[in-house]
Amino acid sequence: LCNRIFIFLAYEQVPFEEASEWCHITYYEMSHRVGEQFRATQPQVVIDGFTDPSNADRFCLGILTNINRTYEINKARTSIGRGVRLYHIRGDVYAECISDNPVFVQSPICNQRFNWHQATVCKIPP
């Protein structure tokens, strides 16, 4: 005597929807967070050192103030210039240095993907 169990599964196709916020950017000077977290909703975002008001596709670090800012931090901030452009295509995120100077990026998610230490900082040349 053989008992048979049949399971019928109904599948429904669900369309893929991009999250409205694909990137969160937090700016630090040394170990101190400066300003609010920027949440990117556009397909690309430029992070630069200028002082124009930030909008949906631009995060200007020049408008951020810090009463504890040192001479060394001010000097580093002047080299940000046009900064870096982040964009995403089909779930992958890319960074392009559009400054005249290299940009240094720390991404725990990227570090995990490549089995690097979580605190690894990558240099992106101009």
PDB file of N, CA and C in Angstrom:
ATOM      1  N   LEU A   1       0.853  -1.178   0.000  1.00  0.00           N
ATOM      2  CA  LEU A   1       0.000   0.000   0.000  1.00  0.00           C
ATOM      3  C   LEU A   1       0.898   1.241   0.000  1.00  0.00           C
ATOM      4  N   CYS A   2       0.657   2.116  -0.909  1.00  0.00           N
ATOM      5  CA  CYS A   2       1.500   3.315  -1.073  1.00  0.00           C
ATOM      6  C   CYS A   2       0.632   4.560  -0.949  1.00  0.00           C
ATOM      7  N   ASN A   3       1.023   5.416  -0.027  1.00  0.00           N
ATOM      8  CA  ASN A   3       0.317   6.698   0.120  1.00  0.00           C
ATOM      9  C   ASN A   3       0.992   7.733  -0.767  1.00  0.00           C
ATOM     10  N   ARG A   4       0.215   8.410  -1.525  1.00  0.00           N
ATOM     11  CA  ARG A   4       0.765   9.448  -2.403  1.00  0.00           C
ATOM     12  C   ARG A   4       0.239  10.805  -1.962  1.00  0.00           C
ATOM     13  N   ILE A   5       1.169  11.727  -1.896  1.00  0.00           N
ATOM     14  CA  ILE A   5       0.800  13.092  -1.540  1.00  0.00           C
ATOM     15  C   ILE A   5       1.178  13.982  -2.716  1.00  0.00           C
ATOM     16  N   PHE A   6       0.233  14.717  -3.176  1.00  0.00           N
ATOM     17  CA  PHE A   6       0.475  15.645  -4.275  1.00  0.00           C
ATOM     18  C   PHE A   6       0.320  17.067  -3.742  1.00  0.00           C
ATOM     19  N   ILE A   7       1.316  17.867  -4.034  1.00  0.00           N
ATOM     20  CA  ILE A   7       1.269  19.266  -3.630  1.00  0.00           C
ATOM     21  C   ILE A   7       1.268  20.108  -4.897  1.00  0.00           C
ATOM     22  N   PHE A   8       0.276  20.912  -5.022  1.00  0.00           N
ATOM     23  CA  PHE A   8       0.179  21.796  -6.170  1.00  0.00           C
ATOM     24  C   PHE A   8       0.433  23.222  -5.693  1.00  0.00           C
ATOM     25  N   LEU A   9       1.437  23.832  -6.276  1.00  0.00           N
ATOM     26  CA  LEU A   9       1.782  25.198  -5.906  1.00  0.00           C
ATOM     27  C   LEU A   9       1.349  26.145  -7.011  1.00  0.00           C
ATOM     28  N   ALA A  10       0.744  27.195  -6.623  1.00  0.00           N
ATOM     29  CA  ALA A  10       0.355  28.217  -7.586  1.00  0.00           C
ATOM     30  C   ALA A  10       1.391  29.337  -7.530  1.00  0.00           C
ATOM     31  N   TYR A  11       1.928  29.698  -8.660  1.00  0.00           N
ATOM     32  CA  TYR A  11       2.922  30.763  -8.726  1.00  0.00           C
ATOM     33  C   TYR A  11       2.307  31.976  -9.392  1.00  0.00           C
ATOM     34  N   GLU A  12       2.643  33.113  -8.847  1.00  0.00           N
ATOM     35  CA  GLU A  12       2.181  34.360  -9.432  1.00  0.00           C
ATOM     36  C   GLU A  12       3.404  35.216  -9.709  1.00  0.00           C
ATOM     37  N   GLN A  13       3.541  35.671 -10.932  1.00  0.00           N
ATOM     38  CA  GLN A  13       4.682  36.500 -11.285  1.00  0.00           C
ATOM     39  C   GLN A  13       4.490  37.889 -10.684  1.00  0.00           C
ATOM     40  N   VAL A  14       5.523  38.347  -9.999  1.00  0.00           N
ATOM     41  CA  VAL A  14       5.486  39.665  -9.371  1.00  0.00           C
ATOM     42  C   VAL A  14       6.527  40.529 -10.067  1.00  0.00           C
ATOM     43  N   PRO A  15       6.135  41.677 -10.588  1.00  0.00           N
ATOM     44  CA  PRO A  15       7.114  42.526 -11.276  1.00  0.00           C
ATOM     45  C   PRO A  15       8.132  43.095 -10.295  1.00  0.00           C
ATOM     46  N   PHE A  16       9.374  43.196 -10.754  1.00  0.00           N
ATOM     47  CA  PHE A  16      10.443  43.760  -9.935  1.00  0.00           C
ATOM     48  C   PHE A  16      10.265  45.267  -9.847  1.00  0.00           C
ATOM     49  N   GLU A  17      10.404  45.797  -8.653  1.00  0.00           N
ATOM     50  CA  GLU A  17      10.329  47.237  -8.456  1.00  0.00           C
ATOM     51  C   GLU A  17      11.585  47.706  -7.737  1.00  0.00           C
ATOM     52  N   GLU A  18      12.234  48.692  -8.335  1.00  0.00           N
ATOM     53  CA  GLU A  18      13.405  49.289  -7.691  1.00  0.00           C
ATOM     54  C   GLU A  18      12.964  49.998  -6.415  1.00  0.00           C
ATOM     55  N   ALA A  19      13.798  49.921  -5.401  1.00  0.00           N
ATOM     56  CA  ALA A  19      13.524  50.672  -4.175  1.00  0.00           C
ATOM     57  C   ALA A  19      13.626  52.165  -4.485  1.00  0.00           C
ATOM     58  N   SER A  20      12.849  52.975  -3.813  1.00  0.00           N
ATOM     59  CA  SER A  20      12.891  54.413  -4.089  1.00  0.00           C
ATOM     60  C   SER A  20      14.234  55.015  -3.668  1.00  0.00           C
ATOM     61  N   GLU A  21      14.855  54.464  -2.643  1.00  0.00           N
ATOM     62  CA  GLU A  21      16.165  54.934  -2.181  1.00  0.00           C
ATOM     63  C   GLU A  21      17.178  53.818  -2.403  1.00  0.00           C
ATOM     64  N   TRP A  22      18.052  53.991  -3.350  1.00  0.00           N
ATOM     65  CA  TRP A  22      19.020  52.945  -3.684  1.00  0.00           C
ATOM     66  C   TRP A  22      20.370  53.171  -3.012  1.00  0.00           C
ATOM     67  N   CYS A  23      20.560  54.350  -2.396  1.00  0.00           N
ATOM     68  CA  CYS A  23      21.857  54.669  -1.811  1.00  0.00           C
ATOM     69  C   CYS A  23      21.669  55.638  -0.650  1.00  0.00           C
ATOM     70  N   HIS A  24      22.343  55.360   0.458  1.00  0.00           N
ATOM     71  CA  HIS A  24      22.367  56.273   1.604  1.00  0.00           C
ATOM     72  C   HIS A  24      23.812  56.712   1.793  1.00  0.00           C
ATOM     73  N   ILE A  25      24.037  58.015   1.858  1.00  0.00           N
ATOM     74  CA  ILE A  25      25.390  58.557   1.973  1.00  0.00           C
ATOM     75  C   ILE A  25      25.506  59.302   3.296  1.00  0.00           C
ATOM     76  N   THR A  26      26.504  58.930   4.080  1.00  0.00           N
ATOM     77  CA  THR A  26      26.762  59.587   5.354  1.00  0.00           C
ATOM     78  C   THR A  26      28.160  60.191   5.294  1.00  0.00           C
ATOM     79  N   TYR A  27      28.276  61.466   5.599  1.00  0.00           N
ATOM     80  CA  TYR A  27      29.550  62.173   5.529  1.00  0.00           C
ATOM     81  C   TYR A  27      30.152  62.307   6.927  1.00  0.00           C
ATOM     82  N   TYR A  28      31.426  61.946   7.029  1.00  0.00           N
ATOM     83  CA  TYR A  28      32.158  62.032   8.298  1.00  0.00           C
ATOM     84  C   TYR A  28      33.402  62.887   8.121  1.00  0.00           C
ATOM     85  N   GLU A  29      33.765  63.586   9.171  1.00  0.00           N
ATOM     86  CA  GLU A  29      35.062  64.234   9.277  1.00  0.00           C
ATOM     87  C   GLU A  29      35.727  63.619  10.491  1.00  0.00           C
ATOM     88  N   MET A  30      36.767  62.863  10.231  1.00  0.00           N
ATOM     89  CA  MET A  30      37.391  62.009  11.239  1.00  0.00           C
ATOM     90  C   MET A  30      36.308  61.042  11.724  1.00  0.00           C
ATOM     91  N   SER A  31      36.028  60.975  12.990  1.00  0.00           N
ATOM     92  CA  SER A  31      35.015  60.024  13.459  1.00  0.00           C
ATOM     93  C   SER A  31      33.681  60.704  13.775  1.00  0.00           C
ATOM     94  N   HIS A  32      33.526  61.956  13.337  1.00  0.00           N
ATOM     95  CA  HIS A  32      32.310  62.706  13.639  1.00  0.00           C
ATOM     96  C   HIS A  32      31.419  62.827  12.405  1.00  0.00           C
ATOM     97  N   ARG A  33      30.191  62.394  12.557  1.00  0.00           N
ATOM     98  CA  ARG A  33      29.224  62.530  11.471  1.00  0.00           C
ATOM     99  C   ARG A  33      28.871  64.006  11.322  1.00  0.00           C
ATOM    100  N   VAL A  34      28.828  64.457  10.077  1.00  0.00           N
ATOM    101  CA  VAL A  34      28.508  65.855   9.790  1.00  0.00           C
ATOM    102  C   VAL A  34      27.284  65.888   8.879  1.00  0.00           C
ATOM    103  N   GLY A  35      26.263  66.589   9.292  1.00  0.00           N
ATOM    104  CA  GLY A  35      25.061  66.725   8.474  1.00  0.00           C
ATOM    105  C   GLY A  35      24.172  65.493   8.524  1.00  0.00           C
ATOM    106  N   GLU A  36      23.087  65.589   7.782  1.00  0.00           N
ATOM    107  CA  GLU A  36      22.119  64.502   7.711  1.00  0.00           C
ATOM    108  C   GLU A  36      22.518  63.498   6.636  1.00  0.00           C
ATOM    109  N   GLN A  37      22.010  62.309   6.768  1.00  0.00           N
ATOM    110  CA  GLN A  37      22.255  61.277   5.767  1.00  0.00           C
ATOM    111  C   GLN A  37      21.529  61.658   4.477  1.00  0.00           C
ATOM    112  N   PHE A  38      22.230  61.529   3.356  1.00  0.00           N
ATOM    113  CA  PHE A  38      21.644  61.810   2.044  1.00  0.00           C
ATOM    114  C   PHE A  38      21.089  60.514   1.483  1.00  0.00           C
ATOM    115  N   ARG A  39      19.864  60.550   1.014  1.00  0.00           N
ATOM    116  CA  ARG A  39      19.207  59.360   0.466  1.00  0.00           C
ATOM    117  C   ARG A  39      18.954  59.583  -1.019  1.00  0.00           C
ATOM    118  N   ALA A  40      19.679  58.828  -1.841  1.00  0.00           N
ATOM    119  CA  ALA A  40      19.583  59.001  -3.290  1.00  0.00           C
ATOM    120  C   ALA A  40      18.350  58.300  -3.842  1.00  0.00           C
ATOM    121  N   THR A  41      17.574  59.052  -4.612  1.00  0.00           N
ATOM    122  CA  THR A  41      16.381  58.494  -5.250  1.00  0.00           C
ATOM    123  C   THR A  41      16.471  58.550  -6.767  1.00  0.00           C
ATOM    124  N   GLN A  42      17.425  59.304  -7.294  1.00  0.00           N
ATOM    125  CA  GLN A  42      17.620  59.412  -8.737  1.00  0.00           C
ATOM    126  C   GLN A  42      18.607  58.335  -9.192  1.00  0.00           C
ATOM    127  N   PRO A  43      18.645  58.014 -10.487  1.00  0.00           N
ATOM    128  CA  PRO A  43      19.557  56.960 -10.969  1.00  0.00           C
ATOM    129  C   PRO A  43      21.031  57.257 -10.732  1.00  0.00           C
ATOM    130  N   GLN A  44      21.362  58.531 -10.539  1.00  0.00           N
ATOM    131  CA  GLN A  44      22.745  58.891 -10.238  1.00  0.00           C
ATOM    132  C   GLN A  44      22.751  60.022  -9.228  1.00  0.00           C
ATOM    133  N   VAL A  45      23.874  60.141  -8.527  1.00  0.00           N
ATOM    134  CA  VAL A  45      24.048  61.240  -7.578  1.00  0.00           C
ATOM    135  C   VAL A  45      25.501  61.694  -7.650  1.00  0.00           C
ATOM    136  N   VAL A  46      25.700  63.001  -7.599  1.00  0.00           N
ATOM    137  CA  VAL A  46      27.039  63.579  -7.565  1.00  0.00           C
ATOM    138  C   VAL A  46      27.279  64.096  -6.154  1.00  0.00           C
ATOM    139  N   ILE A  47      28.408  63.701  -5.574  1.00  0.00           N
ATOM    140  CA  ILE A  47      28.828  64.193  -4.268  1.00  0.00           C
ATOM    141  C   ILE A  47      30.021  65.100  -4.530  1.00  0.00           C
ATOM    142  N   ASP A  48      29.869  66.394  -4.263  1.00  0.00           N
ATOM    143  CA  ASP A  48      30.945  67.327  -4.580  1.00  0.00           C
ATOM    144  C   ASP A  48      31.244  68.240  -3.398  1.00  0.00           C
ATOM    145  N   GLY A  49      32.246  69.091  -3.573  1.00  0.00           N
ATOM    146  CA  GLY A  49      32.667  69.985  -2.504  1.00  0.00           C
ATOM    147  C   GLY A  49      32.108  71.382  -2.622  1.00  0.00           C
ATOM    148  N   PHE A  50      31.140  71.575  -3.490  1.00  0.00           N
ATOM    149  CA  PHE A  50      30.596  72.905  -3.726  1.00  0.00           C
ATOM    150  C   PHE A  50      29.509  73.259  -2.717  1.00  0.00           C
ATOM    151  N   THR A  51      28.957  74.463  -2.858  1.00  0.00           N
ATOM    152  CA  THR A  51      28.014  74.961  -1.856  1.00  0.00           C
ATOM    153  C   THR A  51      26.606  75.182  -2.394  1.00  0.00           C
ATOM    154  N   ASP A  52      26.311  74.692  -3.580  1.00  0.00           N
ATOM    155  CA  ASP A  52      24.937  74.797  -4.073  1.00  0.00           C
ATOM    156  C   ASP A  52      24.035  73.949  -3.197  1.00  0.00           C
ATOM    157  N   PRO A  53      22.799  74.377  -3.019  1.00  0.00           N
ATOM    158  CA  PRO A  53      21.890  73.553  -2.210  1.00  0.00           C
ATOM    159  C   PRO A  53      21.745  72.153  -2.803  1.00  0.00           C
ATOM    160  N   SER A  54      21.709  71.187  -1.939  1.00  0.00           N
ATOM    161  CA  SER A  54      21.561  69.808  -2.405  1.00  0.00           C
ATOM    162  C   SER A  54      20.159  69.601  -2.962  1.00  0.00           C
ATOM    163  N   ASN A  55      20.074  68.746  -3.952  1.00  0.00           N
ATOM    164  CA  ASN A  55      18.776  68.368  -4.491  1.00  0.00           C
ATOM    165  C   ASN A  55      18.773  66.863  -4.676  1.00  0.00           C
ATOM    166  N   ALA A  56      17.821  66.348  -5.385  1.00  0.00           N
ATOM    167  CA  ALA A  56      17.643  64.898  -5.470  1.00  0.00           C
ATOM    168  C   ALA A  56      18.811  64.177  -6.128  1.00  0.00           C
ATOM    169  N   ASP A  57      19.596  64.869  -6.981  1.00  0.00           N
ATOM    170  CA  ASP A  57      20.699  64.178  -7.653  1.00  0.00           C
ATOM    171  C   ASP A  57      22.066  64.787  -7.330  1.00  0.00           C
ATOM    172  N   ARG A  58      22.142  65.556  -6.251  1.00  0.00           N
ATOM    173  CA  ARG A  58      23.410  66.195  -5.902  1.00  0.00           C
ATOM    174  C   ARG A  58      23.506  66.388  -4.392  1.00  0.00           C
ATOM    175  N   PHE A  59      24.655  66.010  -3.840  1.00  0.00           N
ATOM    176  CA  PHE A  59      24.935  66.169  -2.411  1.00  0.00           C
ATOM    177  C   PHE A  59      26.182  67.038  -2.300  1.00  0.00           C
ATOM    178  N   CYS A  60      25.997  68.306  -1.926  1.00  0.00           N
ATOM    179  CA  CYS A  60      27.100  69.263  -1.849  1.00  0.00           C
ATOM    180  C   CYS A  60      27.653  69.307  -0.432  1.00  0.00           C
ATOM    181  N   LEU A  61      28.889  68.867  -0.281  1.00  0.00           N
ATOM    182  CA  LEU A  61      29.509  68.834   1.044  1.00  0.00           C
ATOM    183  C   LEU A  61      29.937  70.215   1.513  1.00  0.00           C
ATOM    184  N   GLY A  62      30.108  71.150   0.575  1.00  0.00           N
ATOM    185  CA  GLY A  62      30.565  72.487   0.929  1.00  0.00           C
ATOM    186  C   GLY A  62      29.605  73.246   1.820  1.00  0.00           C
ATOM    187  N   ILE A  63      28.338  72.882   1.824  1.00  0.00           N
ATOM    188  CA  ILE A  63      27.368  73.601   2.653  1.00  0.00           C
ATOM    189  C   ILE A  63      27.317  73.074   4.079  1.00  0.00           C
ATOM    190  N   LEU A  64      27.993  71.956   4.341  1.00  0.00           N
ATOM    191  CA  LEU A  64      27.947  71.357   5.680  1.00  0.00           C
ATOM    192  C   LEU A  64      28.928  72.062   6.609  1.00  0.00           C
ATOM    193  N   THR A  65      28.473  72.369   7.805  1.00  0.00           N
ATOM    194  CA  THR A  65      29.322  73.046   8.782  1.00  0.00           C
ATOM    195  C   THR A  65      29.661  72.104   9.933  1.00  0.00           C
ATOM    196  N   ASN A  66      30.808  72.378  10.556  1.00  0.00           N
ATOM    197  CA  ASN A  66      31.263  71.585  11.691  1.00  0.00           C
ATOM    198  C   ASN A  66      32.117  72.494  12.573  1.00  0.00           C
ATOM    199  N   ILE A  67      31.657  72.771  13.778  1.00  0.00           N
ATOM    200  CA  ILE A  67      32.409  73.678  14.656  1.00  0.00           C
ATOM    201  C   ILE A  67      33.749  73.090  15.088  1.00  0.00           C
ATOM    202  N   ASN A  68      33.918  71.776  14.959  1.00  0.00           N
ATOM    203  CA  ASN A  68      35.172  71.118  15.344  1.00  0.00           C
ATOM    204  C   ASN A  68      36.101  70.883  14.158  1.00  0.00           C
ATOM    205  N   ARG A  69      35.845  71.508  13.030  1.00  0.00           N
ATOM    206  CA  ARG A  69      36.643  71.297  11.823  1.00  0.00           C
ATOM    207  C   ARG A  69      38.050  71.855  12.024  1.00  0.00           C
ATOM    208  N   THR A  70      39.039  71.041  11.692  1.00  0.00           N
ATOM    209  CA  THR A  70      40.442  71.434  11.850  1.00  0.00           C
ATOM    210  C   THR A  70      40.999  71.976  10.534  1.00  0.00           C
ATOM    211  N   TYR A  71      42.185  72.535  10.609  1.00  0.00           N
ATOM    212  CA  TYR A  71      42.875  73.021   9.416  1.00  0.00           C
ATOM    213  C   TYR A  71      43.079  71.881   8.419  1.00  0.00           C
ATOM    214  N   GLU A  72      43.477  70.712   8.917  1.00  0.00           N
ATOM    215  CA  GLU A  72      43.726  69.563   8.045  1.00  0.00           C
ATOM    216  C   GLU A  72      42.455  69.131   7.310  1.00  0.00           C
ATOM    217  N   ILE A  73      41.328  69.142   8.023  1.00  0.00           N
ATOM    218  CA  ILE A  73      40.057  68.776   7.388  1.00  0.00           C
ATOM    219  C   ILE A  73      39.689  69.808   6.328  1.00  0.00           C
ATOM    220  N   ASN A  74      39.853  71.093   6.640  1.00  0.00           N
ATOM    221  CA  ASN A  74      39.571  72.139   5.648  1.00  0.00           C
ATOM    222  C   ASN A  74      40.423  71.964   4.403  1.00  0.00           C
ATOM    223  N   LYS A  75      41.685  71.633   4.603  1.00  0.00           N
ATOM    224  CA  LYS A  75      42.592  71.428   3.471  1.00  0.00           C
ATOM    225  C   LYS A  75      42.131  70.244   2.620  1.00  0.00           C
ATOM    226  N   ALA A  76      41.736  69.157   3.270  1.00  0.00           N
ATOM    227  CA  ALA A  76      41.248  67.985   2.536  1.00  0.00           C
ATOM    228  C   ALA A  76      39.959  68.308   1.786  1.00  0.00           C
ATOM    229  N   ARG A  77      39.075  69.068   2.399  1.00  0.00           N
ATOM    230  CA  ARG A  77      37.796  69.411   1.769  1.00  0.00           C
ATOM    231  C   ARG A  77      37.985  70.232   0.499  1.00  0.00           C
ATOM    232  N   THR A  78      39.022  71.076   0.460  1.00  0.00           N
ATOM    233  CA  THR A  78      39.245  71.896  -0.738  1.00  0.00           C
ATOM    234  C   THR A  78      39.649  71.049  -1.937  1.00  0.00           C
ATOM    235  N   SER A  79      40.131  69.846  -1.706  1.00  0.00           N
ATOM    236  CA  SER A  79      40.548  68.990  -2.822  1.00  0.00           C
ATOM    237  C   SER A  79      39.408  68.126  -3.365  1.00  0.00           C
ATOM    238  N   ILE A  80      38.223  68.188  -2.747  1.00  0.00           N
ATOM    239  CA  ILE A  80      37.091  67.379  -3.225  1.00  0.00           C
ATOM    240  C   ILE A  80      36.637  67.851  -4.601  1.00  0.00           C
ATOM    241  N   GLY A  81      36.539  69.156  -4.785  1.00  0.00           N
ATOM    242  CA  GLY A  81      36.167  69.709  -6.087  1.00  0.00           C
ATOM    243  C   GLY A  81      34.875  69.125  -6.635  1.00  0.00           C
ATOM    244  N   ARG A  82      34.940  68.635  -7.883  1.00  0.00           N
ATOM    245  CA  ARG A  82      33.741  68.078  -8.539  1.00  0.00           C
ATOM    246  C   ARG A  82      33.343  66.735  -7.954  1.00  0.00           C
ATOM    247  N   GLY A  83      34.208  66.117  -7.171  1.00  0.00           N
ATOM    248  CA  GLY A  83      33.842  64.940  -6.390  1.00  0.00           C
ATOM    249  C   GLY A  83      33.714  63.633  -7.136  1.00  0.00           C
ATOM    250  N   VAL A  84      32.644  62.931  -6.839  1.00  0.00           N
ATOM    251  CA  VAL A  84      32.434  61.582  -7.361  1.00  0.00           C
ATOM    252  C   VAL A  84      30.981  61.445  -7.808  1.00  0.00           C
ATOM    253  N   ARG A  85      30.797  60.667  -8.852  1.00  0.00           N
ATOM    254  CA  ARG A  85      29.446  60.374  -9.345  1.00  0.00           C
ATOM    255  C   ARG A  85      29.154  58.914  -9.057  1.00  0.00           C
ATOM    256  N   LEU A  86      28.059  58.662  -8.361  1.00  0.00           N
ATOM    257  CA  LEU A  86      27.591  57.299  -8.107  1.00  0.00           C
ATOM    258  C   LEU A  86      26.366  57.054  -8.971  1.00  0.00           C
ATOM    259  N   TYR A  87      26.307  55.886  -9.573  1.00  0.00           N
ATOM    260  CA  TYR A  87      25.129  55.549 -10.365  1.00  0.00           C
ATOM    261  C   TYR A  87      24.895  54.056 -10.296  1.00  0.00           C
ATOM    262  N   HIS A  88      23.664  53.675 -10.547  1.00  0.00           N
ATOM    263  CA  HIS A  88      23.360  52.248 -10.502  1.00  0.00           C
ATOM    264  C   HIS A  88      22.684  51.811 -11.788  1.00  0.00           C
ATOM    265  N   ILE A  89      23.074  50.610 -12.201  1.00  0.00           N
ATOM    266  CA  ILE A  89      22.517  49.988 -13.401  1.00  0.00           C
ATOM    267  C   ILE A  89      22.179  48.550 -13.051  1.00  0.00           C
ATOM    268  N   ARG A  90      20.902  48.218 -13.136  1.00  0.00           N
ATOM    269  CA  ARG A  90      20.418  46.854 -12.888  1.00  0.00           C
ATOM    270  C   ARG A  90      20.960  46.257 -11.587  1.00  0.00           C
ATOM    271  N   GLY A  91      20.934  47.026 -10.519  1.00  0.00           N
ATOM    272  CA  GLY A  91      21.334  46.506  -9.216  1.00  0.00           C
ATOM    273  C   GLY A  91      22.802  46.662  -8.876  1.00  0.00           C
ATOM    274  N   ASP A  92      23.644  47.001  -9.838  1.00  0.00           N
ATOM    275  CA  ASP A  92      25.066  47.226  -9.567  1.00  0.00           C
ATOM    276  C   ASP A  92      25.314  48.722  -9.406  1.00  0.00           C
ATOM    277  N   VAL A  93      26.167  49.074  -8.446  1.00  0.00           N
ATOM    278  CA  VAL A  93      26.482  50.478  -8.183  1.00  0.00           C
ATOM    279  C   VAL A  93      27.912  50.751  -8.635  1.00  0.00           C
ATOM    280  N   TYR A  94      28.098  51.872  -9.312  1.00  0.00           N
ATOM    281  CA  TYR A  94      29.403  52.256  -9.828  1.00  0.00           C
ATOM    282  C   TYR A  94      29.779  53.624  -9.279  1.00  0.00           C
ATOM    283  N   ALA A  95      31.080  53.854  -9.106  1.00  0.00           N
ATOM    284  CA  ALA A  95      31.594  55.145  -8.653  1.00  0.00           C
ATOM    285  C   ALA A  95      32.592  55.649  -9.680  1.00  0.00           C
ATOM    286  N   GLU A  96      32.449  56.904 -10.048  1.00  0.00           N
ATOM    287  CA  GLU A  96      33.342  57.529 -11.017  1.00  0.00           C
ATOM    288  C   GLU A  96      33.889  58.811 -10.403  1.00  0.00           C
ATOM    289  N   CYS A  97      35.199  58.910 -10.307  1.00  0.00           N
ATOM    290  CA  CYS A  97      35.827  60.115  -9.772  1.00  0.00           C
ATOM    291  C   CYS A  97      35.806  61.184 -10.861  1.00  0.00           C
ATOM    292  N   ILE A  98      35.140  62.298 -10.600  1.00  0.00           N
ATOM    293  CA  ILE A  98      35.105  63.402 -11.563  1.00  0.00           C
ATOM    294  C   ILE A  98      35.884  64.607 -11.032  1.00  0.00           C
ATOM    295  N   SER A  99      36.597  64.406  -9.939  1.00  0.00           N
ATOM    296  CA  SER A  99      37.445  65.427  -9.340  1.00  0.00           C
ATOM    297  C   SER A  99      38.826  65.382  -9.993  1.00  0.00           C
ATOM    298  N   ASP A 100      39.616  66.404  -9.750  1.00  0.00           N
ATOM    299  CA  ASP A 100      41.007  66.397 -10.210  1.00  0.00           C
ATOM    300  C   ASP A 100      41.895  65.583  -9.282  1.00  0.00           C
ATOM    301  N   ASN A 101      41.365  65.188  -8.139  1.00  0.00           N
ATOM    302  CA  ASN A 101      42.110  64.436  -7.132  1.00  0.00           C
ATOM    303  C   ASN A 101      41.432  63.098  -6.875  1.00  0.00           C
ATOM    304  N   PRO A 102      42.186  62.108  -6.387  1.00  0.00           N
ATOM    305  CA  PRO A 102      41.550  60.821  -6.082  1.00  0.00           C
ATOM    306  C   PRO A 102      40.506  60.966  -4.982  1.00  0.00           C
ATOM    307  N   VAL A 103      39.545  60.067  -5.000  1.00  0.00           N
ATOM    308  CA  VAL A 103      38.489  60.027  -3.993  1.00  0.00           C
ATOM    309  C   VAL A 103      38.649  58.723  -3.230  1.00  0.00           C
ATOM    310  N   PHE A 104      38.427  58.768  -1.926  1.00  0.00           N
ATOM    311  CA  PHE A 104      38.546  57.582  -1.089  1.00  0.00           C
ATOM    312  C   PHE A 104      37.160  57.203  -0.586  1.00  0.00           C
ATOM    313  N   VAL A 105      36.791  55.945  -0.791  1.00  0.00           N
ATOM    314  CA  VAL A 105      35.438  55.480  -0.474  1.00  0.00           C
ATOM    315  C   VAL A 105      35.505  54.271   0.441  1.00  0.00           C
ATOM    316  N   GLN A 106      34.663  54.274   1.458  1.00  0.00           N
ATOM    317  CA  GLN A 106      34.518  53.104   2.326  1.00  0.00           C
ATOM    318  C   GLN A 106      33.098  52.581   2.155  1.00  0.00           C
ATOM    319  N   SER A 107      32.983  51.334   1.705  1.00  0.00           N
ATOM    320  CA  SER A 107      31.678  50.717   1.489  1.00  0.00           C
ATOM    321  C   SER A 107      31.666  49.330   2.119  1.00  0.00           C
ATOM    322  N   PRO A 108      31.056  49.189   3.294  1.00  0.00           N
ATOM    323  CA  PRO A 108      31.009  47.867   3.932  1.00  0.00           C
ATOM    324  C   PRO A 108      30.365  46.795   3.052  1.00  0.00           C
ATOM    325  N   ILE A 109      29.369  47.162   2.251  1.00  0.00           N
ATOM    326  CA  ILE A 109      28.714  46.176   1.378  1.00  0.00           C
ATOM    327  C   ILE A 109      29.678  45.709   0.292  1.00  0.00           C
ATOM    328  N   CYS A 110      30.390  46.647  -0.326  1.00  0.00           N
ATOM    329  CA  CYS A 110      31.385  46.282  -1.343  1.00  0.00           C
ATOM    330  C   CYS A 110      32.497  45.448  -0.713  1.00  0.00           C
ATOM    331  N   ASN A 111      32.937  45.849   0.468  1.00  0.00           N
ATOM    332  CA  ASN A 111      33.994  45.102   1.151  1.00  0.00           C
ATOM    333  C   ASN A 111      33.556  43.676   1.447  1.00  0.00           C
ATOM    334  N   GLN A 112      32.320  43.504   1.844  1.00  0.00           N
ATOM    335  CA  GLN A 112      31.798  42.162   2.111  1.00  0.00           C
ATOM    336  C   GLN A 112      31.749  41.341   0.823  1.00  0.00           C
ATOM    337  N   ARG A 113      31.341  41.974  -0.267  1.00  0.00           N
ATOM    338  CA  ARG A 113      31.238  41.274  -1.560  1.00  0.00           C
ATOM    339  C   ARG A 113      32.588  40.705  -2.000  1.00  0.00           C
ATOM    340  N   PHE A 114      33.667  41.453  -1.737  1.00  0.00           N
ATOM    341  CA  PHE A 114      35.000  41.019  -2.155  1.00  0.00           C
ATOM    342  C   PHE A 114      35.791  40.359  -1.027  1.00  0.00           C
ATOM    343  N   ASN A 115      35.111  40.061   0.089  1.00  0.00           N
ATOM    344  CA  ASN A 115      35.748  39.428   1.248  1.00  0.00           C
ATOM    345  C   ASN A 115      36.909  40.252   1.797  1.00  0.00           C
ATOM    346  N   TRP A 116      36.745  41.576   1.806  1.00  0.00           N
ATOM    347  CA  TRP A 116      37.731  42.465   2.389  1.00  0.00           C
ATOM    348  C   TRP A 116      37.283  42.821   3.799  1.00  0.00           C
ATOM    349  N   HIS A 117      38.199  43.328   4.602  1.00  0.00           N
ATOM    350  CA  HIS A 117      37.840  43.798   5.942  1.00  0.00           C
ATOM    351  C   HIS A 117      36.791  44.901   5.797  1.00  0.00           C
ATOM    352  N   GLN A 118      35.839  44.924   6.707  1.00  0.00           N
ATOM    353  CA  GLN A 118      34.714  45.856   6.616  1.00  0.00           C
ATOM    354  C   GLN A 118      35.154  47.322   6.580  1.00  0.00           C
ATOM    355  N   ALA A 119      36.278  47.638   7.198  1.00  0.00           N
ATOM    356  CA  ALA A 119      36.741  49.026   7.261  1.00  0.00           C
ATOM    357  C   ALA A 119      37.660  49.418   6.105  1.00  0.00           C
ATOM    358  N   THR A 120      37.830  48.554   5.106  1.00  0.00           N
ATOM    359  CA  THR A 120      38.715  48.850   3.982  1.00  0.00           C
ATOM    360  C   THR A 120      38.254  50.105   3.245  1.00  0.00           C
ATOM    361  N   VAL A 121      39.213  50.956   2.895  1.00  0.00           N
ATOM    362  CA  VAL A 121      38.943  52.174   2.135  1.00  0.00           C
ATOM    363  C   VAL A 121      39.591  52.016   0.765  1.00  0.00           C
ATOM    364  N   CYS A 122      38.837  52.313  -0.291  1.00  0.00           N
ATOM    365  CA  CYS A 122      39.338  52.181  -1.662  1.00  0.00           C
ATOM    366  C   CYS A 122      39.634  53.556  -2.254  1.00  0.00           C
ATOM    367  N   LYS A 123      40.721  53.624  -3.009  1.00  0.00           N
ATOM    368  CA  LYS A 123      41.102  54.856  -3.695  1.00  0.00           C
ATOM    369  C   LYS A 123      40.603  54.780  -5.134  1.00  0.00           C
ATOM    370  N   ILE A 124      39.855  55.803  -5.547  1.00  0.00           N
ATOM    371  CA  ILE A 124      39.374  55.887  -6.926  1.00  0.00           C
ATOM    372  C   ILE A 124      40.131  57.040  -7.580  1.00  0.00           C
ATOM    373  N   PRO A 125      41.020  56.741  -8.530  1.00  0.00           N
ATOM    374  CA  PRO A 125      41.817  57.809  -9.146  1.00  0.00           C
ATOM    375  C   PRO A 125      40.973  58.659 -10.104  1.00  0.00           C
ATOM    376  N   PRO A 126      41.459  59.896 -10.377  1.00  0.00           N
ATOM    377  CA  PRO A 126      40.722  60.756 -11.328  1.00  0.00           C
ATOM    378  C   PRO A 126      40.764  60.194 -12.739  1.00  0.00           C
TER     379      PRO A 126
END
